[in-house]
Amino acid sequence: MFGSAKGLEVEFFEEKSITVLKTKVNEFIRSLSMRPIEILDIKYHSDWEEYGKQFTAMIIFRNL
């Protein structure tokens, strides 16, 4: 877990490949499926860094 505020939890992922990033996000969501949670938002972003393209994902969720 990266951080939390008012019961919200935020998880960040960073990869150079969008395919790898989506796989990691799906695995994380699957791991949460055993807990009573509500996924509020999933954001994907891509950016060019000095060393190449970087993909990030942010999942915002809360425990019920």
PDB file of N, CA and C in Angstrom:
ATOM      1  N   MET A   1       0.840  -1.177   0.000  1.00  0.00           N
ATOM      2  CA  MET A   1       0.000   0.000   0.000  1.00  0.00           C
ATOM      3  C   MET A   1       0.884   1.238   0.000  1.00  0.00           C
ATOM      4  N   PHE A   2       0.565   2.171  -0.816  1.00  0.00           N
ATOM      5  CA  PHE A   2       1.347   3.416  -0.907  1.00  0.00           C
ATOM      6  C   PHE A   2       0.886   4.438   0.111  1.00  0.00           C
ATOM      7  N   GLY A   3      -0.399   4.604   0.291  1.00  0.00           N
ATOM      8  CA  GLY A   3      -0.901   5.593   1.238  1.00  0.00           C
ATOM      9  C   GLY A   3      -2.387   5.426   1.465  1.00  0.00           C
ATOM     10  N   SER A   4      -2.890   6.112   2.495  1.00  0.00           N
ATOM     11  CA  SER A   4      -4.323   6.060   2.761  1.00  0.00           C
ATOM     12  C   SER A   4      -4.777   7.359   3.403  1.00  0.00           C
ATOM     13  N   ALA A   5      -6.029   7.705   3.182  1.00  0.00           N
ATOM     14  CA  ALA A   5      -6.626   8.894   3.784  1.00  0.00           C
ATOM     15  C   ALA A   5      -8.122   8.671   3.907  1.00  0.00           C
ATOM     16  N   LYS A   6      -8.662   8.885   5.085  1.00  0.00           N
ATOM     17  CA  LYS A   6     -10.101   8.741   5.328  1.00  0.00           C
ATOM     18  C   LYS A   6     -10.625   7.390   4.850  1.00  0.00           C
ATOM     19  N   GLY A   7      -9.908   6.333   5.132  1.00  0.00           N
ATOM     20  CA  GLY A   7     -10.345   5.003   4.756  1.00  0.00           C
ATOM     21  C   GLY A   7     -10.034   4.597   3.329  1.00  0.00           C
ATOM     22  N   LEU A   8      -9.504   5.509   2.535  1.00  0.00           N
ATOM     23  CA  LEU A   8      -9.141   5.178   1.160  1.00  0.00           C
ATOM     24  C   LEU A   8      -7.729   4.627   1.123  1.00  0.00           C
ATOM     25  N   GLU A   9      -7.511   3.697   0.226  1.00  0.00           N
ATOM     26  CA  GLU A   9      -6.171   3.165   0.007  1.00  0.00           C
ATOM     27  C   GLU A   9      -5.817   3.372  -1.457  1.00  0.00           C
ATOM     28  N   VAL A  10      -4.542   3.642  -1.702  1.00  0.00           N
ATOM     29  CA  VAL A  10      -4.058   3.898  -3.056  1.00  0.00           C
ATOM     30  C   VAL A  10      -2.865   2.993  -3.318  1.00  0.00           C
ATOM     31  N   GLU A  11      -2.895   2.334  -4.456  1.00  0.00           N
ATOM     32  CA  GLU A  11      -1.789   1.462  -4.862  1.00  0.00           C
ATOM     33  C   GLU A  11      -1.284   1.938  -6.216  1.00  0.00           C
ATOM     34  N   PHE A  12       0.045   2.095  -6.333  1.00  0.00           N
ATOM     35  CA  PHE A  12       0.662   2.546  -7.580  1.00  0.00           C
ATOM     36  C   PHE A  12       1.494   1.426  -8.194  1.00  0.00           C
ATOM     37  N   PHE A  13       1.489   1.363  -9.518  1.00  0.00           N
ATOM     38  CA  PHE A  13       2.323   0.424 -10.263  1.00  0.00           C
ATOM     39  C   PHE A  13       3.017   1.198 -11.368  1.00  0.00           C
ATOM     40  N   GLU A  14       4.251   0.795 -11.690  1.00  0.00           N
ATOM     41  CA  GLU A  14       5.039   1.466 -12.722  1.00  0.00           C
ATOM     42  C   GLU A  14       5.782   0.421 -13.540  1.00  0.00           C
ATOM     43  N   GLU A  15       5.661   0.493 -14.843  1.00  0.00           N
ATOM     44  CA  GLU A  15       6.337  -0.459 -15.734  1.00  0.00           C
ATOM     45  C   GLU A  15       6.694   0.219 -17.043  1.00  0.00           C
ATOM     46  N   LYS A  16       7.605  -0.404 -17.789  1.00  0.00           N
ATOM     47  CA  LYS A  16       7.979   0.096 -19.113  1.00  0.00           C
ATOM     48  C   LYS A  16       7.088  -0.493 -20.206  1.00  0.00           C
ATOM     49  N   SER A  17       6.324  -1.515 -19.868  1.00  0.00           N
ATOM     50  CA  SER A  17       5.437  -2.176 -20.831  1.00  0.00           C
ATOM     51  C   SER A  17       3.991  -2.087 -20.336  1.00  0.00           C
ATOM     52  N   ILE A  18       3.085  -1.642 -21.184  1.00  0.00           N
ATOM     53  CA  ILE A  18       1.672  -1.547 -20.796  1.00  0.00           C
ATOM     54  C   ILE A  18       1.086  -2.930 -20.543  1.00  0.00           C
ATOM     55  N   THR A  19       1.551  -3.937 -21.276  1.00  0.00           N
ATOM     56  CA  THR A  19       1.060  -5.300 -21.081  1.00  0.00           C
ATOM     57  C   THR A  19       1.430  -5.820 -19.701  1.00  0.00           C
ATOM     58  N   VAL A  20       2.676  -5.613 -19.295  1.00  0.00           N
ATOM     59  CA  VAL A  20       3.126  -6.042 -17.970  1.00  0.00           C
ATOM     60  C   VAL A  20       2.371  -5.270 -16.891  1.00  0.00           C
ATOM     61  N   LEU A  21       2.174  -3.983 -17.110  1.00  0.00           N
ATOM     62  CA  LEU A  21       1.457  -3.156 -16.141  1.00  0.00           C
ATOM     63  C   LEU A  21       0.026  -3.660 -15.950  1.00  0.00           C
ATOM     64  N   LYS A  22      -0.675  -3.922 -17.041  1.00  0.00           N
ATOM     65  CA  LYS A  22      -2.055  -4.397 -16.934  1.00  0.00           C
ATOM     66  C   LYS A  22      -2.126  -5.764 -16.258  1.00  0.00           C
ATOM     67  N   THR A  23      -1.139  -6.616 -16.506  1.00  0.00           N
ATOM     68  CA  THR A  23      -1.087  -7.914 -15.842  1.00  0.00           C
ATOM     69  C   THR A  23      -0.929  -7.738 -14.343  1.00  0.00           C
ATOM     70  N   LYS A  24      -0.026  -6.853 -13.923  1.00  0.00           N
ATOM     71  CA  LYS A  24       0.175  -6.605 -12.490  1.00  0.00           C
ATOM     72  C   LYS A  24      -1.080  -6.024 -11.844  1.00  0.00           C
ATOM     73  N   VAL A  25      -1.741  -5.109 -12.529  1.00  0.00           N
ATOM     74  CA  VAL A  25      -2.977  -4.515 -12.005  1.00  0.00           C
ATOM     75  C   VAL A  25      -4.042  -5.599 -11.850  1.00  0.00           C
ATOM     76  N   ASN A  26      -4.209  -6.448 -12.859  1.00  0.00           N
ATOM     77  CA  ASN A  26      -5.202  -7.524 -12.785  1.00  0.00           C
ATOM     78  C   ASN A  26      -4.896  -8.501 -11.659  1.00  0.00           C
ATOM     79  N   GLU A  27      -3.620  -8.839 -11.455  1.00  0.00           N
ATOM     80  CA  GLU A  27      -3.232  -9.733 -10.365  1.00  0.00           C
ATOM     81  C   GLU A  27      -3.535  -9.093  -9.015  1.00  0.00           C
ATOM     82  N   PHE A  28      -3.279  -7.795  -8.889  1.00  0.00           N
ATOM     83  CA  PHE A  28      -3.557  -7.096  -7.640  1.00  0.00           C
ATOM     84  C   PHE A  28      -5.060  -7.084  -7.363  1.00  0.00           C
ATOM     85  N   ILE A  29      -5.855  -6.802  -8.377  1.00  0.00           N
ATOM     86  CA  ILE A  29      -7.313  -6.786  -8.209  1.00  0.00           C
ATOM     87  C   ILE A  29      -7.814  -8.174  -7.815  1.00  0.00           C
ATOM     88  N   ARG A  30      -7.255  -9.205  -8.434  1.00  0.00           N
ATOM     89  CA  ARG A  30      -7.615 -10.580  -8.075  1.00  0.00           C
ATOM     90  C   ARG A  30      -7.282 -10.868  -6.616  1.00  0.00           C
ATOM     91  N   SER A  31      -6.133 -10.357  -6.145  1.00  0.00           N
ATOM     92  CA  SER A  31      -5.741 -10.586  -4.748  1.00  0.00           C
ATOM     93  C   SER A  31      -6.674  -9.859  -3.781  1.00  0.00           C
ATOM     94  N   LEU A  32      -7.282  -8.771  -4.235  1.00  0.00           N
ATOM     95  CA  LEU A  32      -8.226  -8.035  -3.390  1.00  0.00           C
ATOM     96  C   LEU A  32      -9.605  -8.682  -3.357  1.00  0.00           C
ATOM     97  N   SER A  33      -9.884  -9.567  -4.285  1.00  0.00           N
ATOM     98  CA  SER A  33     -11.233 -10.118  -4.420  1.00  0.00           C
ATOM     99  C   SER A  33     -11.679 -10.912  -3.196  1.00  0.00           C
ATOM    100  N   MET A  34     -10.757 -11.344  -2.379  1.00  0.00           N
ATOM    101  CA  MET A  34     -11.100 -12.096  -1.175  1.00  0.00           C
ATOM    102  C   MET A  34     -11.446 -11.173  -0.009  1.00  0.00           C
ATOM    103  N   ARG A  35     -11.234  -9.886  -0.173  1.00  0.00           N
ATOM    104  CA  ARG A  35     -11.515  -8.908   0.882  1.00  0.00           C
ATOM    105  C   ARG A  35     -12.767  -8.112   0.520  1.00  0.00           C
ATOM    106  N   PRO A  36     -13.506  -7.656   1.532  1.00  0.00           N
ATOM    107  CA  PRO A  36     -14.670  -6.806   1.242  1.00  0.00           C
ATOM    108  C   PRO A  36     -14.218  -5.376   0.926  1.00  0.00           C
ATOM    109  N   ILE A  37     -14.005  -5.094  -0.343  1.00  0.00           N
ATOM    110  CA  ILE A  37     -13.522  -3.775  -0.756  1.00  0.00           C
ATOM    111  C   ILE A  37     -14.395  -3.231  -1.879  1.00  0.00           C
ATOM    112  N   GLU A  38     -14.267  -1.947  -2.098  1.00  0.00           N
ATOM    113  CA  GLU A  38     -14.910  -1.287  -3.228  1.00  0.00           C
ATOM    114  C   GLU A  38     -13.827  -0.554  -4.003  1.00  0.00           C
ATOM    115  N   ILE A  39     -13.650  -0.902  -5.267  1.00  0.00           N
ATOM    116  CA  ILE A  39     -12.688  -0.200  -6.112  1.00  0.00           C
ATOM    117  C   ILE A  39     -13.368   1.062  -6.618  1.00  0.00           C
ATOM    118  N   LEU A  40     -12.780   2.202  -6.296  1.00  0.00           N
ATOM    119  CA  LEU A  40     -13.370   3.484  -6.656  1.00  0.00           C
ATOM    120  C   LEU A  40     -12.891   3.985  -8.006  1.00  0.00           C
ATOM    121  N   ASP A  41     -11.626   3.718  -8.334  1.00  0.00           N
ATOM    122  CA  ASP A  41     -11.094   4.232  -9.597  1.00  0.00           C
ATOM    123  C   ASP A  41      -9.802   3.516  -9.959  1.00  0.00           C
ATOM    124  N   ILE A  42      -9.562   3.379 -11.240  1.00  0.00           N
ATOM    125  CA  ILE A  42      -8.293   2.877 -11.769  1.00  0.00           C
ATOM    126  C   ILE A  42      -7.880   3.842 -12.866  1.00  0.00           C
ATOM    127  N   LYS A  43      -6.705   4.421 -12.730  1.00  0.00           N
ATOM    128  CA  LYS A  43      -6.200   5.390 -13.707  1.00  0.00           C
ATOM    129  C   LYS A  43      -4.920   4.848 -14.327  1.00  0.00           C
ATOM    130  N   TYR A  44      -4.823   4.973 -15.646  1.00  0.00           N
ATOM    131  CA  TYR A  44      -3.598   4.628 -16.360  1.00  0.00           C
ATOM    132  C   TYR A  44      -3.012   5.908 -16.942  1.00  0.00           C
ATOM    133  N   HIS A  45      -1.675   5.983 -16.982  1.00  0.00           N
ATOM    134  CA  HIS A  45      -1.005   7.160 -17.522  1.00  0.00           C
ATOM    135  C   HIS A  45       0.288   6.713 -18.201  1.00  0.00           C
ATOM    136  N   SER A  46       0.633   7.367 -19.297  1.00  0.00           N
ATOM    137  CA  SER A  46       1.922   7.098 -19.942  1.00  0.00           C
ATOM    138  C   SER A  46       2.673   8.411 -20.080  1.00  0.00           C
ATOM    139  N   ASP A  47       3.981   8.314 -20.008  1.00  0.00           N
ATOM    140  CA  ASP A  47       4.814   9.509 -20.032  1.00  0.00           C
ATOM    141  C   ASP A  47       6.173   9.156 -20.628  1.00  0.00           C
ATOM    142  N   TRP A  48       6.743  10.098 -21.345  1.00  0.00           N
ATOM    143  CA  TRP A  48       8.101   9.910 -21.853  1.00  0.00           C
ATOM    144  C   TRP A  48       9.084  10.452 -20.822  1.00  0.00           C
ATOM    145  N   GLU A  49       9.967   9.598 -20.351  1.00  0.00           N
ATOM    146  CA  GLU A  49      11.037   9.997 -19.433  1.00  0.00           C
ATOM    147  C   GLU A  49      12.330  10.066 -20.237  1.00  0.00           C
ATOM    148  N   GLU A  50      13.384  10.500 -19.611  1.00  0.00           N
ATOM    149  CA  GLU A  50      14.691  10.591 -20.285  1.00  0.00           C
ATOM    150  C   GLU A  50      15.140   9.241 -20.833  1.00  0.00           C
ATOM    151  N   TYR A  51      14.774   8.166 -20.150  1.00  0.00           N
ATOM    152  CA  TYR A  51      15.239   6.831 -20.517  1.00  0.00           C
ATOM    153  C   TYR A  51      14.199   6.046 -21.310  1.00  0.00           C
ATOM    154  N   GLY A  52      13.071   6.645 -21.678  1.00  0.00           N
ATOM    155  CA  GLY A  52      12.068   5.949 -22.487  1.00  0.00           C
ATOM    156  C   GLY A  52      10.665   6.114 -21.942  1.00  0.00           C
ATOM    157  N   LYS A  53       9.754   5.403 -22.538  1.00  0.00           N
ATOM    158  CA  LYS A  53       8.343   5.512 -22.157  1.00  0.00           C
ATOM    159  C   LYS A  53       8.103   4.795 -20.829  1.00  0.00           C
ATOM    160  N   GLN A  54       7.285   5.388 -19.987  1.00  0.00           N
ATOM    161  CA  GLN A  54       6.963   4.836 -18.678  1.00  0.00           C
ATOM    162  C   GLN A  54       5.440   4.802 -18.528  1.00  0.00           C
ATOM    163  N   PHE A  55       4.900   3.690 -18.079  1.00  0.00           N
ATOM    164  CA  PHE A  55       3.465   3.540 -17.856  1.00  0.00           C
ATOM    165  C   PHE A  55       3.208   3.417 -16.365  1.00  0.00           C
ATOM    166  N   THR A  56       2.198   4.103 -15.878  1.00  0.00           N
ATOM    167  CA  THR A  56       1.837   4.018 -14.465  1.00  0.00           C
ATOM    168  C   THR A  56       0.344   3.730 -14.337  1.00  0.00           C
ATOM    169  N   ALA A  57      -0.002   3.098 -13.238  1.00  0.00           N
ATOM    170  CA  ALA A  57      -1.404   2.842 -12.918  1.00  0.00           C
ATOM    171  C   ALA A  57      -1.612   3.164 -11.449  1.00  0.00           C
ATOM    172  N   MET A  58      -2.792   3.681 -11.136  1.00  0.00           N
ATOM    173  CA  MET A  58      -3.148   3.997  -9.766  1.00  0.00           C
ATOM    174  C   MET A  58      -4.526   3.392  -9.509  1.00  0.00           C
ATOM    175  N   ILE A  59      -4.625   2.622  -8.427  1.00  0.00           N
ATOM    176  CA  ILE A  59      -5.894   2.021  -8.034  1.00  0.00           C
ATOM    177  C   ILE A  59      -6.301   2.649  -6.709  1.00  0.00           C
ATOM    178  N   ILE A  60      -7.503   3.204  -6.668  1.00  0.00           N
ATOM    179  CA  ILE A  60      -8.036   3.784  -5.440  1.00  0.00           C
ATOM    180  C   ILE A  60      -9.174   2.883  -4.976  1.00  0.00           C
ATOM    181  N   PHE A  61      -9.097   2.427  -3.726  1.00  0.00           N
ATOM    182  CA  PHE A  61     -10.124   1.540  -3.205  1.00  0.00           C
ATOM    183  C   PHE A  61     -10.313   1.791  -1.719  1.00  0.00           C
ATOM    184  N   ARG A  62     -11.376   1.220  -1.174  1.00  0.00           N
ATOM    185  CA  ARG A  62     -11.612   1.330   0.264  1.00  0.00           C
ATOM    186  C   ARG A  62     -12.171   0.020   0.779  1.00  0.00           C
ATOM    187  N   ASN A  63     -11.871  -0.239   2.037  1.00  0.00           N
ATOM    188  CA  ASN A  63     -12.411  -1.418   2.704  1.00  0.00           C
ATOM    189  C   ASN A  63     -13.847  -1.142   3.115  1.00  0.00           C
ATOM    190  N   LEU A  64     -14.699  -2.129   2.978  1.00  0.00           N
ATOM    191  CA  LEU A  64     -16.111  -1.967   3.366  1.00  0.00           C
ATOM    192  C   LEU A  64     -16.331  -2.423   4.789  1.00  0.00           C
TER     193      LEU A  64
END
